[in-house]
Amino acid sequence: MSEAVGLLEVYGLVAAFAAADAGCKAANVRIETFDRNKPANAEKLEVPLIIMVKFRGSVEDTRAALEAGEVAAKRISGVITKHIIARPEEDLNKFLNINGFDKN
């Protein structure tokens, strides 16, 4: 059975690290990877870099990690969105390791 995946998009790398730390302390999860996205309107945003934190674990633990991560990120810069996929399809797993930090 596949582990759940929790996706948390936040503004900025500092908020992403704080969210990841809080999520891992709150529940038995691991960080799959971070991903980055610079939106087209980045110049107009207070924090121009969007980071997605990807948690993996049981559904209950992933949900708890997302909630803790959201609280931590809101204290710093803010949360864009969050989502949990309880039972991701096997083909989806290969995309979870793709991230924008590997690109120039």
Protein backbone atom coordinates (compact mmCIF):
# COMPACT_ATOMS: atom_id res chain seq x y z
CA MET A 1 0.00 0.00 0.00
CA SER A 2 1.30 3.43 -0.96
CA GLU A 3 1.89 6.12 1.63
CA ALA A 4 -0.16 9.28 1.61
CA VAL A 5 1.40 12.44 0.22
CA GLY A 6 0.80 15.88 1.65
CA LEU A 7 1.48 18.95 -0.48
CA LEU A 8 1.97 22.33 1.17
CA GLU A 9 2.72 25.41 -0.95
CA VAL A 10 4.21 28.34 0.93
CA TYR A 11 5.82 31.69 0.17
CA GLY A 12 9.61 31.52 0.47
CA LEU A 13 12.29 29.06 1.45
CA VAL A 14 12.41 30.08 5.12
CA ALA A 15 8.70 29.32 5.50
CA ALA A 16 9.24 25.98 3.73
CA PHE A 17 11.99 24.97 6.16
CA ALA A 18 9.89 26.04 9.14
CA ALA A 19 6.88 24.12 7.80
CA ALA A 20 8.96 21.01 7.14
CA ASP A 21 10.48 21.15 10.61
CA ALA A 22 7.11 21.63 12.31
CA GLY A 23 5.46 18.89 10.25
CA CYS A 24 8.19 16.35 11.00
CA LYS A 25 8.09 17.17 14.71
CA ALA A 26 4.30 16.89 14.84
CA ALA A 27 3.94 13.52 13.10
CA ASN A 28 5.75 10.45 11.86
CA VAL A 29 6.38 11.70 8.31
CA ARG A 30 9.34 12.29 6.06
CA ILE A 31 10.03 15.01 3.53
CA GLU A 32 9.89 13.67 -0.02
CA THR A 33 11.44 16.81 -1.52
CA PHE A 34 10.96 20.55 -1.88
CA ASP A 35 9.95 22.06 -5.18
CA ARG A 36 10.09 25.66 -6.33
CA ASN A 37 8.00 27.78 -8.62
CA LYS A 38 8.51 31.38 -9.63
CA PRO A 39 5.15 32.66 -10.84
CA ALA A 40 4.81 35.02 -13.78
CA ASN A 41 3.74 37.86 -11.47
CA ALA A 42 6.65 37.29 -9.04
CA GLU A 43 7.78 40.93 -9.16
CA LYS A 44 4.43 41.98 -7.69
CA LEU A 45 4.57 39.52 -4.78
CA GLU A 46 6.10 40.32 -1.41
CA VAL A 47 7.86 36.94 -1.48
CA PRO A 48 8.46 36.02 -5.15
CA LEU A 49 9.35 32.36 -4.67
CA ILE A 50 6.77 29.64 -4.05
CA ILE A 51 8.01 26.44 -2.43
CA MET A 52 6.11 23.17 -2.18
CA VAL A 53 6.91 20.88 0.74
CA LYS A 54 6.03 17.24 0.08
CA PHE A 55 5.35 15.09 3.16
CA ARG A 56 5.00 11.27 3.10
CA GLY A 57 3.48 9.01 5.75
CA SER A 58 0.19 7.54 6.87
CA VAL A 59 -2.94 9.56 6.13
CA GLU A 60 -3.31 10.58 9.78
CA ASP A 61 0.34 11.55 10.17
CA THR A 62 0.40 13.40 6.86
CA ARG A 63 -2.70 15.37 7.82
CA ALA A 64 -1.13 16.29 11.18
CA ALA A 65 2.12 17.34 9.46
CA LEU A 66 0.23 19.55 7.00
CA GLU A 67 -1.65 21.26 9.81
CA ALA A 68 1.52 21.90 11.83
CA GLY A 69 3.40 23.04 8.73
CA GLU A 70 0.61 25.42 7.79
CA VAL A 71 0.66 27.08 11.22
CA ALA A 72 4.45 27.50 11.06
CA ALA A 73 4.46 28.92 7.52
CA LYS A 74 1.65 31.38 8.28
CA ARG A 75 3.79 32.85 11.06
CA ILE A 76 6.52 33.69 8.53
CA SER A 77 5.06 34.54 5.15
CA GLY A 78 1.92 32.58 4.33
CA VAL A 79 0.41 29.50 2.76
CA ILE A 80 -0.91 29.31 -0.76
CA THR A 81 -2.60 25.93 -0.66
CA LYS A 82 -2.43 22.47 0.87
CA HIS A 83 -3.68 19.11 -0.28
CA ILE A 84 -3.45 15.48 0.76
CA ILE A 85 -3.58 12.48 -1.56
CA ALA A 86 -4.49 9.52 0.60
CA ARG A 87 -3.61 6.75 -1.85
CA PRO A 88 -1.57 8.08 -4.76
CA GLU A 89 -1.44 5.99 -7.91
CA GLU A 90 1.86 4.19 -8.38
CA ASP A 91 2.65 6.21 -11.52
CA LEU A 92 2.34 9.44 -9.53
CA ASN A 93 5.23 8.45 -7.27
CA LYS A 94 7.84 9.06 -9.98
CA PHE A 95 6.70 12.68 -10.25
CA LEU A 96 7.04 13.32 -6.53
CA ASN A 97 10.84 13.36 -6.81
CA ILE A 98 10.86 15.96 -9.58
CA ASN A 99 11.80 19.37 -8.29
CA GLY A 100 12.80 22.76 -9.65
CA PHE A 101 15.91 22.99 -7.47
CA ASP A 102 17.71 20.65 -9.86
CA LYS A 103 17.23 23.11 -12.72
CA ASN A 104 19.20 26.24 -13.51
